[in-house]
């Protein structure tokens, strides 16, 4: 009976311990989020990085009239690396629509896309050093202002690896806090379930000895 009682006590402790661990995770996640999110009086609108801040090369803003095509060019300086590219419609309206076709100076085709979103990002592997043309057609009925975004070898991009970049300083810690919060909630729920199960088991054992 003494052995059973010891096991019962240990089982009764596992629920509260798990519950406390989950609560600590939630508190830690909230502390991280609070420390990186600026207070209202300190907010200057640049907490969340713009799409442009995530790329190493950004074109000038260009206004394209309805039905017209504008060609952006980008020269890749390293062979056999991924080229991540994107287009951002700065003055986006729900009816905006663009077509993008990619080719090089020799006329080789590297894909065509039609998009109706304000931001569109894709990538492809570059086999050799070359200049690539991105032909952007405004398929909508209103003028659009766009910028083209380029990053060679995104894994080593300065925008994503610079410790002082908005992505590294703000978004990564916030994502970690979110993950910790979700994990903490799951652990708290598990602790509640264990506590209820152990309470019922202990109640059944107590009734046996009466």
N, C-alpha and C. Protein backbone atom coordinates (compact mmCIF):
# COMPACT_ATOMS: atom_id res chain seq x y z
N UNK A 1 0.83 -1.20 0.00
CA UNK A 1 0.00 0.00 0.00
C UNK A 1 0.87 1.26 0.00
N UNK A 2 2.01 1.22 0.76
CA UNK A 2 2.92 2.37 0.81
C UNK A 2 3.49 2.70 -0.56
N UNK A 3 3.84 1.64 -1.32
CA UNK A 3 4.38 1.84 -2.66
C UNK A 3 3.35 2.47 -3.56
N UNK A 4 2.12 1.96 -3.49
CA UNK A 4 1.04 2.51 -4.31
C UNK A 4 0.77 3.97 -3.95
N UNK A 5 0.86 4.28 -2.65
CA UNK A 5 0.61 5.65 -2.20
C UNK A 5 1.68 6.61 -2.75
N UNK A 6 2.96 6.13 -2.78
CA UNK A 6 4.04 6.95 -3.31
C UNK A 6 3.86 7.24 -4.78
N UNK A 7 3.46 6.21 -5.52
CA UNK A 7 3.22 6.39 -6.96
C UNK A 7 2.07 7.36 -7.19
N UNK A 8 1.03 7.22 -6.35
CA UNK A 8 -0.13 8.10 -6.47
C UNK A 8 0.25 9.55 -6.24
N UNK A 9 1.11 9.81 -5.25
CA UNK A 9 1.53 11.18 -4.95
C UNK A 9 2.32 11.77 -6.12
N UNK A 10 3.22 10.96 -6.69
CA UNK A 10 4.01 11.42 -7.83
C UNK A 10 3.11 11.74 -9.03
N UNK A 11 2.10 10.91 -9.25
CA UNK A 11 1.20 11.13 -10.37
C UNK A 11 0.37 12.38 -10.16
N UNK A 12 0.02 12.66 -8.89
CA UNK A 12 -0.75 13.86 -8.60
C UNK A 12 0.08 15.12 -8.86
N UNK A 13 1.40 15.00 -8.75
CA UNK A 13 2.28 16.16 -8.95
C UNK A 13 2.51 16.47 -10.42
N UNK A 14 2.41 15.48 -11.30
CA UNK A 14 2.81 15.70 -12.69
C UNK A 14 1.90 16.71 -13.39
N UNK A 15 0.59 16.71 -13.04
CA UNK A 15 -0.33 17.67 -13.65
C UNK A 15 0.02 19.09 -13.30
N UNK A 16 0.13 19.44 -12.00
CA UNK A 16 0.49 20.82 -11.61
C UNK A 16 1.85 21.25 -12.14
N UNK A 17 2.82 20.33 -12.16
CA UNK A 17 4.15 20.67 -12.66
C UNK A 17 4.08 21.03 -14.15
N UNK A 18 3.35 20.21 -14.90
CA UNK A 18 3.18 20.49 -16.33
C UNK A 18 2.45 21.80 -16.54
N UNK A 19 1.44 22.05 -15.72
CA UNK A 19 0.67 23.29 -15.80
C UNK A 19 1.55 24.51 -15.53
N UNK A 20 2.40 24.40 -14.52
CA UNK A 20 3.31 25.50 -14.19
C UNK A 20 4.31 25.74 -15.33
N UNK A 21 4.84 24.65 -15.90
CA UNK A 21 5.79 24.78 -17.00
C UNK A 21 5.16 25.50 -18.19
N UNK A 22 3.93 25.14 -18.51
CA UNK A 22 3.23 25.80 -19.61
C UNK A 22 2.98 27.27 -19.33
N UNK A 23 2.62 27.59 -18.09
CA UNK A 23 2.39 28.98 -17.71
C UNK A 23 3.65 29.81 -17.82
N UNK A 24 4.78 29.22 -17.42
CA UNK A 24 6.07 29.91 -17.54
C UNK A 24 6.38 30.21 -19.00
N UNK A 25 6.11 29.25 -19.89
CA UNK A 25 6.34 29.46 -21.32
C UNK A 25 5.51 30.62 -21.85
N UNK A 26 4.24 30.66 -21.43
CA UNK A 26 3.35 31.74 -21.89
C UNK A 26 3.84 33.09 -21.39
N UNK A 27 4.25 33.15 -20.13
CA UNK A 27 4.76 34.41 -19.56
C UNK A 27 6.04 34.84 -20.29
N UNK A 28 6.92 33.87 -20.58
CA UNK A 28 8.16 34.18 -21.28
C UNK A 28 7.87 34.69 -22.68
N UNK A 29 6.90 34.06 -23.38
CA UNK A 29 6.53 34.51 -24.73
C UNK A 29 5.98 35.93 -24.69
N UNK A 30 5.14 36.21 -23.70
CA UNK A 30 4.58 37.56 -23.57
C UNK A 30 5.68 38.58 -23.28
N UNK A 31 6.66 38.20 -22.48
CA UNK A 31 7.76 39.11 -22.15
C UNK A 31 8.60 39.43 -23.38
N UNK A 32 8.87 38.40 -24.20
CA UNK A 32 9.64 38.61 -25.43
C UNK A 32 8.89 39.54 -26.37
N UNK A 33 7.59 39.27 -26.56
CA UNK A 33 6.79 40.10 -27.46
C UNK A 33 6.72 41.53 -26.96
N UNK A 34 6.56 41.71 -25.65
CA UNK A 34 6.46 43.06 -25.09
C UNK A 34 7.77 43.82 -25.25
N UNK A 35 8.88 43.11 -25.17
CA UNK A 35 10.18 43.77 -25.23
C UNK A 35 10.53 44.24 -26.64
N UNK A 36 9.98 43.57 -27.67
CA UNK A 36 10.34 43.95 -29.05
C UNK A 36 9.29 44.80 -29.73
N UNK A 37 8.03 44.75 -29.24
CA UNK A 37 7.00 45.59 -29.84
C UNK A 37 7.08 46.98 -29.21
N UNK A 38 7.29 48.00 -30.03
CA UNK A 38 7.44 49.35 -29.48
C UNK A 38 6.15 49.85 -28.87
N UNK A 39 6.28 50.67 -27.82
CA UNK A 39 5.11 51.29 -27.22
C UNK A 39 4.52 52.30 -28.20
N UNK A 40 3.25 52.64 -28.01
CA UNK A 40 2.53 53.50 -28.96
C UNK A 40 3.25 54.81 -29.21
N UNK A 41 3.79 55.41 -28.16
CA UNK A 41 4.44 56.70 -28.34
C UNK A 41 5.77 56.59 -29.06
N UNK A 42 6.33 55.36 -29.10
CA UNK A 42 7.64 55.19 -29.76
C UNK A 42 7.51 54.64 -31.17
N UNK A 43 6.31 54.27 -31.58
CA UNK A 43 6.13 53.64 -32.88
C UNK A 43 6.28 54.65 -34.00
N UNK A 44 7.15 54.36 -34.96
CA UNK A 44 7.33 55.26 -36.10
C UNK A 44 6.95 54.59 -37.41
N UNK A 45 6.25 53.45 -37.32
CA UNK A 45 5.72 52.82 -38.52
C UNK A 45 6.65 51.85 -39.20
N UNK A 46 7.85 51.62 -38.66
CA UNK A 46 8.80 50.75 -39.34
C UNK A 46 9.08 49.46 -38.55
N UNK A 47 8.16 49.09 -37.64
CA UNK A 47 8.38 47.86 -36.88
C UNK A 47 8.33 46.65 -37.80
N UNK A 48 7.27 46.54 -38.60
CA UNK A 48 7.17 45.45 -39.56
C UNK A 48 7.87 45.86 -40.84
N UNK A 49 8.82 45.05 -41.30
CA UNK A 49 9.60 45.46 -42.47
C UNK A 49 8.76 45.49 -43.73
N UNK A 50 9.07 46.42 -44.60
CA UNK A 50 8.40 46.48 -45.90
C UNK A 50 8.97 45.38 -46.78
N UNK A 51 8.26 45.00 -47.85
CA UNK A 51 8.82 43.97 -48.75
C UNK A 51 10.20 44.36 -49.28
N UNK A 52 10.39 45.67 -49.54
CA UNK A 52 11.68 46.12 -50.06
C UNK A 52 12.83 45.83 -49.12
N UNK A 53 12.58 45.87 -47.81
CA UNK A 53 13.66 45.67 -46.85
C UNK A 53 14.14 44.23 -46.79
N UNK A 54 13.41 43.31 -47.42
CA UNK A 54 13.79 41.90 -47.41
C UNK A 54 14.62 41.51 -48.63
N UNK A 55 14.91 42.48 -49.50
CA UNK A 55 15.68 42.21 -50.71
C UNK A 55 16.93 43.08 -50.74
N UNK A 56 17.97 42.59 -51.41
CA UNK A 56 19.23 43.31 -51.49
C UNK A 56 19.21 44.40 -52.56
N UNK A 57 18.44 44.19 -53.64
CA UNK A 57 18.38 45.16 -54.73
C UNK A 57 16.93 45.53 -55.02
N UNK A 58 16.66 46.82 -55.01
CA UNK A 58 15.31 47.32 -55.25
C UNK A 58 15.36 48.37 -56.35
N UNK A 59 14.47 48.25 -57.32
CA UNK A 59 14.44 49.21 -58.42
C UNK A 59 13.79 50.51 -57.97
N UNK A 60 13.88 51.52 -58.81
CA UNK A 60 13.13 52.75 -58.59
C UNK A 60 11.65 52.47 -58.84
N UNK A 61 10.80 53.31 -58.28
CA UNK A 61 9.36 53.19 -58.55
C UNK A 61 9.09 53.60 -59.99
N UNK A 62 8.28 52.79 -60.65
CA UNK A 62 7.93 53.05 -62.05
C UNK A 62 6.41 52.99 -62.19
N UNK A 63 5.83 54.00 -62.84
CA UNK A 63 4.39 54.00 -63.11
C UNK A 63 4.14 53.45 -64.50
N UNK A 64 3.29 52.44 -64.60
CA UNK A 64 2.97 51.78 -65.87
C UNK A 64 1.50 52.04 -66.18
N UNK A 65 1.25 52.65 -67.32
CA UNK A 65 -0.13 52.92 -67.72
C UNK A 65 -0.84 51.62 -68.11
N UNK A 66 -2.15 51.64 -68.08
CA UNK A 66 -2.94 50.46 -68.45
C UNK A 66 -2.61 50.01 -69.86
N UNK A 67 -2.33 48.71 -70.02
CA UNK A 67 -2.02 48.14 -71.32
C UNK A 67 -0.57 48.28 -71.75
N UNK A 68 0.24 49.00 -70.99
CA UNK A 68 1.64 49.20 -71.35
C UNK A 68 2.55 48.18 -70.68
N UNK A 69 3.76 48.08 -71.22
CA UNK A 69 4.77 47.15 -70.70
C UNK A 69 6.02 47.93 -70.34
N UNK A 70 6.61 47.59 -69.20
CA UNK A 70 7.89 48.17 -68.81
C UNK A 70 8.85 47.03 -68.50
N UNK A 71 10.10 47.18 -68.96
CA UNK A 71 11.10 46.13 -68.76
C UNK A 71 12.12 46.52 -67.70
N UNK A 72 12.21 45.69 -66.68
CA UNK A 72 13.24 45.83 -65.64
C UNK A 72 14.35 44.83 -65.95
N UNK A 73 15.59 45.25 -65.80
CA UNK A 73 16.73 44.36 -66.05
C UNK A 73 17.53 44.17 -64.77
N UNK A 74 18.03 42.94 -64.62
CA UNK A 74 18.88 42.64 -63.46
C UNK A 74 19.99 41.71 -63.91
N UNK A 75 21.23 42.09 -63.60
CA UNK A 75 22.39 41.29 -63.96
C UNK A 75 22.81 40.45 -62.76
N UNK A 76 22.88 39.14 -62.97
CA UNK A 76 23.29 38.22 -61.91
C UNK A 76 24.81 38.07 -61.97
N UNK A 77 25.46 38.28 -60.85
CA UNK A 77 26.92 38.28 -60.82
C UNK A 77 27.53 36.93 -60.43
N UNK A 78 26.70 35.98 -59.99
CA UNK A 78 27.21 34.68 -59.57
C UNK A 78 26.40 33.58 -60.25
N UNK A 79 27.09 32.59 -60.78
CA UNK A 79 26.41 31.48 -61.45
C UNK A 79 25.99 30.41 -60.45
N UNK A 80 24.98 29.65 -60.83
CA UNK A 80 24.50 28.49 -60.08
C UNK A 80 24.04 28.85 -58.66
N UNK A 81 23.28 29.93 -58.57
CA UNK A 81 22.67 30.33 -57.30
C UNK A 81 21.20 30.64 -57.58
N UNK A 82 20.35 30.57 -56.55
CA UNK A 82 18.95 30.96 -56.76
C UNK A 82 18.86 32.49 -56.86
N UNK A 83 17.97 32.93 -57.72
CA UNK A 83 17.65 34.35 -57.81
C UNK A 83 16.21 34.52 -57.32
N UNK A 84 16.05 35.17 -56.18
CA UNK A 84 14.71 35.45 -55.68
C UNK A 84 14.31 36.84 -56.18
N UNK A 85 13.14 36.90 -56.79
CA UNK A 85 12.68 38.17 -57.32
C UNK A 85 11.22 38.40 -56.93
N UNK A 86 10.82 39.64 -56.97
CA UNK A 86 9.44 39.94 -56.62
C UNK A 86 9.01 41.25 -57.23
N UNK A 87 7.72 41.47 -57.23
CA UNK A 87 7.16 42.74 -57.69
C UNK A 87 6.20 43.24 -56.62
N UNK A 88 6.26 44.52 -56.35
CA UNK A 88 5.40 45.13 -55.35
C UNK A 88 4.62 46.28 -56.01
N UNK A 89 3.29 46.14 -56.04
CA UNK A 89 2.44 47.22 -56.55
C UNK A 89 2.21 48.18 -55.39
N UNK A 90 2.85 49.32 -55.45
CA UNK A 90 2.86 50.24 -54.32
C UNK A 90 1.48 50.85 -54.07
N UNK A 91 0.79 51.22 -55.14
CA UNK A 91 -0.53 51.85 -55.02
C UNK A 91 -1.64 50.86 -55.37
N UNK A 92 -1.58 49.69 -54.78
CA UNK A 92 -2.45 48.57 -55.16
C UNK A 92 -3.94 48.86 -54.99
N UNK A 93 -4.71 48.43 -55.99
CA UNK A 93 -6.17 48.41 -55.95
C UNK A 93 -6.64 47.00 -56.27
N UNK A 94 -7.80 46.59 -55.75
CA UNK A 94 -8.27 45.20 -55.95
C UNK A 94 -8.37 44.76 -57.41
N UNK A 95 -8.56 45.70 -58.32
CA UNK A 95 -8.72 45.33 -59.74
C UNK A 95 -7.40 45.32 -60.51
N UNK A 96 -6.31 45.59 -59.82
CA UNK A 96 -5.01 45.61 -60.50
C UNK A 96 -4.60 44.19 -60.91
N UNK A 97 -3.93 44.11 -62.06
CA UNK A 97 -3.51 42.82 -62.58
C UNK A 97 -2.27 43.03 -63.43
N UNK A 98 -1.24 42.21 -63.19
CA UNK A 98 -0.01 42.36 -63.97
C UNK A 98 0.41 41.03 -64.57
N UNK A 99 1.08 41.12 -65.71
CA UNK A 99 1.70 39.95 -66.32
C UNK A 99 3.20 40.14 -66.31
N UNK A 100 3.94 39.12 -65.92
CA UNK A 100 5.41 39.20 -65.87
C UNK A 100 5.98 38.07 -66.71
N UNK A 101 6.84 38.40 -67.64
CA UNK A 101 7.56 37.38 -68.41
C UNK A 101 9.06 37.64 -68.27
N UNK A 102 9.82 36.55 -68.14
CA UNK A 102 11.26 36.65 -67.88
C UNK A 102 12.04 36.07 -69.05
N UNK A 103 13.05 36.79 -69.49
CA UNK A 103 13.91 36.30 -70.57
C UNK A 103 15.31 36.88 -70.35
N UNK A 104 16.28 36.35 -71.10
CA UNK A 104 17.63 36.92 -71.06
C UNK A 104 17.90 37.64 -72.38
N UNK A 105 19.11 38.17 -72.52
CA UNK A 105 19.43 38.96 -73.71
C UNK A 105 19.46 38.11 -74.98
N UNK A 106 19.51 36.78 -74.80
CA UNK A 106 19.52 35.89 -75.96
C UNK A 106 18.11 35.43 -76.34
N UNK A 107 17.12 35.85 -75.60
CA UNK A 107 15.75 35.48 -75.91
C UNK A 107 15.27 34.20 -75.24
N UNK A 108 16.11 33.60 -74.38
CA UNK A 108 15.67 32.40 -73.65
C UNK A 108 14.59 32.78 -72.64
N UNK A 109 13.56 31.93 -72.52
CA UNK A 109 12.43 32.21 -71.64
C UNK A 109 12.63 31.51 -70.29
N UNK A 110 12.23 32.19 -69.22
CA UNK A 110 12.37 31.64 -67.87
C UNK A 110 11.06 31.69 -67.08
N UNK A 111 9.96 31.82 -67.79
CA UNK A 111 8.66 31.77 -67.12
C UNK A 111 7.80 32.99 -67.38
N UNK A 112 6.49 32.77 -67.31
CA UNK A 112 5.51 33.85 -67.44
C UNK A 112 4.48 33.70 -66.33
N UNK A 113 4.06 34.82 -65.77
CA UNK A 113 3.13 34.79 -64.64
C UNK A 113 2.11 35.91 -64.79
N UNK A 114 0.90 35.64 -64.30
CA UNK A 114 -0.14 36.66 -64.24
C UNK A 114 -0.60 36.72 -62.79
N UNK A 115 -0.56 37.93 -62.21
CA UNK A 115 -0.86 38.06 -60.79
C UNK A 115 -1.78 39.24 -60.52
N UNK A 116 -2.62 39.07 -59.48
CA UNK A 116 -3.52 40.12 -59.06
C UNK A 116 -3.31 40.52 -57.62
N UNK A 117 -2.18 40.09 -57.02
CA UNK A 117 -1.88 40.42 -55.64
C UNK A 117 -0.92 41.62 -55.58
N UNK A 118 -0.92 42.34 -54.46
CA UNK A 118 -0.02 43.50 -54.36
C UNK A 118 1.45 43.13 -54.32
N UNK A 119 1.76 41.94 -53.81
CA UNK A 119 3.14 41.48 -53.73
C UNK A 119 3.23 40.07 -54.29
N UNK A 120 4.19 39.86 -55.17
CA UNK A 120 4.37 38.55 -55.79
C UNK A 120 5.85 38.23 -55.76
N UNK A 121 6.21 37.07 -55.19
CA UNK A 121 7.62 36.69 -55.03
C UNK A 121 7.84 35.28 -55.58
N UNK A 122 8.86 35.12 -56.37
CA UNK A 122 9.23 33.81 -56.93
C UNK A 122 10.76 33.70 -56.96
N UNK A 123 11.24 32.55 -57.36
CA UNK A 123 12.68 32.37 -57.52
C UNK A 123 12.95 31.32 -58.59
N UNK A 124 14.13 31.37 -59.16
CA UNK A 124 14.58 30.32 -60.08
C UNK A 124 16.09 30.22 -59.99
N UNK A 125 16.62 29.07 -60.39
CA UNK A 125 18.07 28.83 -60.32
C UNK A 125 18.75 29.43 -61.55
N UNK A 126 19.80 30.17 -61.29
CA UNK A 126 20.57 30.81 -62.36
C UNK A 126 21.73 29.90 -62.74
N UNK A 127 21.80 29.51 -63.99
CA UNK A 127 22.84 28.57 -64.43
C UNK A 127 24.15 29.27 -64.77
N UNK A 128 24.06 30.56 -65.13
CA UNK A 128 25.29 31.27 -65.51
C UNK A 128 25.10 32.77 -65.26
N UNK A 129 26.21 33.48 -65.25
CA UNK A 129 26.16 34.93 -65.12
C UNK A 129 25.47 35.50 -66.35
N UNK A 130 24.43 36.29 -66.14
CA UNK A 130 23.63 36.77 -67.26
C UNK A 130 22.80 37.97 -66.83
N UNK A 131 22.23 38.64 -67.83
CA UNK A 131 21.30 39.74 -67.57
C UNK A 131 19.90 39.26 -67.90
N UNK A 132 19.00 39.42 -66.96
CA UNK A 132 17.63 38.94 -67.12
C UNK A 132 16.67 40.11 -67.21
N UNK A 133 15.75 40.01 -68.16
CA UNK A 133 14.75 41.04 -68.37
C UNK A 133 13.41 40.60 -67.81
N UNK A 134 12.80 41.45 -67.03
CA UNK A 134 11.50 41.18 -66.45
C UNK A 134 10.50 42.15 -67.09
N UNK A 135 9.72 41.63 -68.01
CA UNK A 135 8.76 42.45 -68.73
C UNK A 135 7.44 42.47 -67.97
N UNK A 136 7.09 43.64 -67.45
CA UNK A 136 5.90 43.78 -66.62
C UNK A 136 4.82 44.50 -67.41
N UNK A 137 3.70 43.82 -67.62
CA UNK A 137 2.58 44.40 -68.36
C UNK A 137 1.44 44.72 -67.40
N UNK A 138 0.93 45.92 -67.51
CA UNK A 138 -0.23 46.33 -66.72
C UNK A 138 -1.49 45.85 -67.42
N UNK A 139 -2.09 44.79 -66.90
CA UNK A 139 -3.29 44.22 -67.50
C UNK A 139 -4.58 44.81 -66.91
N UNK A 140 -4.42 45.73 -65.98
CA UNK A 140 -5.59 46.37 -65.38
C UNK A 140 -6.07 47.54 -66.19
N UNK A 141 -7.00 48.30 -65.57
CA UNK A 141 -7.59 49.45 -66.27
C UNK A 141 -7.08 50.78 -65.74
N UNK A 142 -6.25 50.74 -64.68
CA UNK A 142 -5.73 51.95 -64.08
C UNK A 142 -4.20 51.91 -64.05
N UNK A 143 -3.55 53.06 -64.03
CA UNK A 143 -2.08 53.08 -63.90
C UNK A 143 -1.65 52.44 -62.58
N UNK A 144 -0.52 51.77 -62.59
CA UNK A 144 0.02 51.18 -61.37
C UNK A 144 1.47 51.66 -61.18
N UNK A 145 1.87 51.77 -59.92
CA UNK A 145 3.26 52.10 -59.59
C UNK A 145 3.89 50.88 -58.95
N UNK A 146 4.97 50.40 -59.54
CA UNK A 146 5.58 49.15 -59.08
C UNK A 146 7.07 49.33 -58.82
N UNK A 147 7.60 48.42 -58.00
CA UNK A 147 9.05 48.29 -57.83
C UNK A 147 9.39 46.81 -58.00
N UNK A 148 10.55 46.54 -58.58
CA UNK A 148 11.03 45.17 -58.71
C UNK A 148 12.07 44.92 -57.62
N UNK A 149 12.06 43.69 -57.11
CA UNK A 149 12.90 43.33 -55.97
C UNK A 149 13.76 42.12 -56.36
N UNK A 150 15.05 42.17 -56.02
CA UNK A 150 15.96 41.09 -56.40
C UNK A 150 16.91 40.75 -55.24
N UNK A 151 17.15 39.45 -55.08
CA UNK A 151 18.17 38.96 -54.14
C UNK A 151 18.80 37.71 -54.72
N UNK A 152 20.12 37.73 -54.86
CA UNK A 152 20.84 36.54 -55.30
C UNK A 152 21.22 35.71 -54.08
N UNK A 153 21.01 34.41 -54.19
CA UNK A 153 21.37 33.48 -53.10
C UNK A 153 20.73 33.96 -51.78
N UNK A 154 19.41 33.85 -51.64
CA UNK A 154 18.69 34.41 -50.48
C UNK A 154 19.21 33.95 -49.13
N UNK A 155 19.76 32.72 -49.05
CA UNK A 155 20.24 32.22 -47.77
C UNK A 155 21.37 33.08 -47.20
N UNK A 156 22.09 33.79 -48.09
CA UNK A 156 23.19 34.64 -47.64
C UNK A 156 22.86 36.11 -47.83
N UNK A 157 21.59 36.40 -48.00
CA UNK A 157 21.16 37.78 -48.22
C UNK A 157 21.46 38.65 -47.01
N UNK A 158 21.96 39.84 -47.25
CA UNK A 158 22.23 40.79 -46.16
C UNK A 158 20.93 41.17 -45.45
N UNK A 159 19.85 41.29 -46.22
CA UNK A 159 18.58 41.70 -45.64
C UNK A 159 18.05 40.68 -44.63
N UNK A 160 18.44 39.40 -44.82
CA UNK A 160 17.93 38.34 -43.94
C UNK A 160 18.95 37.90 -42.90
N UNK A 161 20.22 38.29 -43.06
CA UNK A 161 21.25 37.84 -42.13
C UNK A 161 21.87 38.98 -41.31
N UNK A 162 21.67 40.21 -41.72
CA UNK A 162 22.22 41.35 -40.98
C UNK A 162 21.53 41.44 -39.62
N UNK A 163 22.29 41.37 -38.52
CA UNK A 163 21.67 41.40 -37.18
C UNK A 163 20.92 42.68 -36.88
N UNK A 164 21.18 43.74 -37.65
CA UNK A 164 20.50 45.01 -37.42
C UNK A 164 19.31 45.23 -38.36
N UNK A 165 19.02 44.24 -39.21
CA UNK A 165 17.90 44.40 -40.13
C UNK A 165 16.58 44.23 -39.39
N UNK A 166 15.50 44.86 -39.87
CA UNK A 166 14.18 44.72 -39.22
C UNK A 166 13.73 43.27 -39.13
N UNK A 167 14.10 42.47 -40.13
CA UNK A 167 13.68 41.06 -40.14
C UNK A 167 14.29 40.32 -38.96
N UNK A 168 15.59 40.50 -38.75
CA UNK A 168 16.29 39.79 -37.68
C UNK A 168 15.94 40.37 -36.31
N UNK A 169 15.83 41.69 -36.23
CA UNK A 169 15.60 42.34 -34.94
C UNK A 169 14.15 42.20 -34.47
N UNK A 170 13.20 42.18 -35.40
CA UNK A 170 11.79 42.20 -35.00
C UNK A 170 11.02 40.93 -35.34
N UNK A 171 11.08 40.52 -36.60
CA UNK A 171 10.22 39.43 -37.05
C UNK A 171 10.64 38.08 -36.47
N UNK A 172 11.94 37.77 -36.48
CA UNK A 172 12.39 36.48 -35.94
C UNK A 172 12.06 36.32 -34.46
N UNK A 173 12.38 37.32 -33.60
CA UNK A 173 12.00 37.17 -32.19
C UNK A 173 10.49 37.07 -31.99
N UNK A 174 9.73 37.80 -32.80
CA UNK A 174 8.28 37.74 -32.67
C UNK A 174 7.76 36.35 -33.06
N UNK A 175 8.37 35.76 -34.10
CA UNK A 175 7.99 34.40 -34.51
C UNK A 175 8.35 33.40 -33.41
N UNK A 176 9.51 33.59 -32.79
CA UNK A 176 9.91 32.70 -31.69
C UNK A 176 8.95 32.83 -30.51
N UNK A 177 8.53 34.07 -30.23
CA UNK A 177 7.58 34.28 -29.13
C UNK A 177 6.24 33.62 -29.45
N UNK A 178 5.82 33.71 -30.71
CA UNK A 178 4.57 33.07 -31.11
C UNK A 178 4.63 31.56 -30.96
N UNK A 179 5.76 30.98 -31.38
CA UNK A 179 5.93 29.53 -31.24
C UNK A 179 5.92 29.12 -29.77
N UNK A 180 6.61 29.90 -28.94
CA UNK A 180 6.67 29.61 -27.51
C UNK A 180 5.29 29.74 -26.87
N UNK A 181 4.51 30.72 -27.33
CA UNK A 181 3.15 30.90 -26.81
C UNK A 181 2.27 29.71 -27.15
N UNK A 182 2.33 29.26 -28.40
CA UNK A 182 1.53 28.11 -28.81
C UNK A 182 1.93 26.86 -28.03
N UNK A 183 3.26 26.66 -27.89
CA UNK A 183 3.76 25.51 -27.14
C UNK A 183 3.31 25.59 -25.68
N UNK A 184 3.36 26.80 -25.10
CA UNK A 184 2.94 26.97 -23.71
C UNK A 184 1.47 26.64 -23.52
N UNK A 185 0.62 27.08 -24.47
CA UNK A 185 -0.81 26.78 -24.38
C UNK A 185 -1.06 25.28 -24.44
N UNK A 186 -0.33 24.60 -25.34
CA UNK A 186 -0.48 23.14 -25.47
C UNK A 186 -0.07 22.46 -24.16
N UNK A 187 1.04 22.91 -23.57
CA UNK A 187 1.52 22.31 -22.32
C UNK A 187 0.53 22.58 -21.18
N UNK A 188 -0.05 23.77 -21.13
CA UNK A 188 -1.05 24.07 -20.10
C UNK A 188 -2.26 23.15 -20.25
N UNK A 189 -2.73 22.98 -21.47
CA UNK A 189 -3.87 22.08 -21.69
C UNK A 189 -3.52 20.65 -21.26
N UNK A 190 -2.28 20.21 -21.61
CA UNK A 190 -1.84 18.88 -21.20
C UNK A 190 -1.80 18.77 -19.67
N UNK A 191 -1.35 19.84 -19.00
CA UNK A 191 -1.31 19.83 -17.54
C UNK A 191 -2.69 19.73 -16.93
N UNK A 192 -3.65 20.44 -17.50
CA UNK A 192 -5.03 20.37 -17.00
C UNK A 192 -5.60 18.96 -17.17
N UNK A 193 -5.35 18.37 -18.34
CA UNK A 193 -5.85 17.01 -18.60
C UNK A 193 -5.23 16.01 -17.63
N UNK A 194 -3.90 16.13 -17.41
CA UNK A 194 -3.23 15.23 -16.49
C UNK A 194 -3.75 15.40 -15.07
N UNK A 195 -3.99 16.64 -14.67
CA UNK A 195 -4.51 16.90 -13.32
C UNK A 195 -5.88 16.26 -13.13
N UNK A 196 -6.74 16.41 -14.13
CA UNK A 196 -8.08 15.81 -14.04
C UNK A 196 -7.99 14.29 -14.01
N UNK A 197 -7.14 13.71 -14.88
CA UNK A 197 -6.98 12.26 -14.91
C UNK A 197 -6.45 11.73 -13.58
N UNK A 198 -5.43 12.41 -13.02
CA UNK A 198 -4.84 11.96 -11.75
C UNK A 198 -5.82 12.14 -10.59
N UNK A 199 -6.62 13.21 -10.64
CA UNK A 199 -7.62 13.43 -9.59
C UNK A 199 -8.67 12.32 -9.60
N UNK A 200 -9.11 11.94 -10.79
CA UNK A 200 -10.09 10.85 -10.90
C UNK A 200 -9.48 9.52 -10.47
N UNK A 201 -8.22 9.29 -10.88
CA UNK A 201 -7.56 8.04 -10.49
C UNK A 201 -7.39 7.98 -8.97
N UNK A 202 -6.97 9.11 -8.38
CA UNK A 202 -6.81 9.15 -6.94
C UNK A 202 -8.12 8.96 -6.21
N UNK A 203 -9.19 9.52 -6.77
CA UNK A 203 -10.50 9.36 -6.15
C UNK A 203 -10.95 7.91 -6.16
N UNK A 204 -10.67 7.22 -7.29
CA UNK A 204 -11.05 5.81 -7.40
C UNK A 204 -10.24 4.96 -6.43
N UNK A 205 -8.93 5.27 -6.29
CA UNK A 205 -8.11 4.51 -5.35
C UNK A 205 -8.55 4.73 -3.91
N UNK A 206 -8.94 5.96 -3.57
CA UNK A 206 -9.38 6.27 -2.22
C UNK A 206 -10.66 5.48 -1.87
N UNK A 207 -11.55 5.37 -2.85
CA UNK A 207 -12.81 4.67 -2.60
C UNK A 207 -12.57 3.18 -2.40
N UNK A 208 -11.43 2.68 -2.95
CA UNK A 208 -11.11 1.27 -2.79
C UNK A 208 -10.72 0.93 -1.35
N UNK A 209 -10.06 1.91 -0.68
CA UNK A 209 -9.56 1.66 0.66
C UNK A 209 -10.58 1.98 1.75
N UNK A 210 -11.72 2.51 1.34
CA UNK A 210 -12.75 2.84 2.34
C UNK A 210 -13.50 1.57 2.76
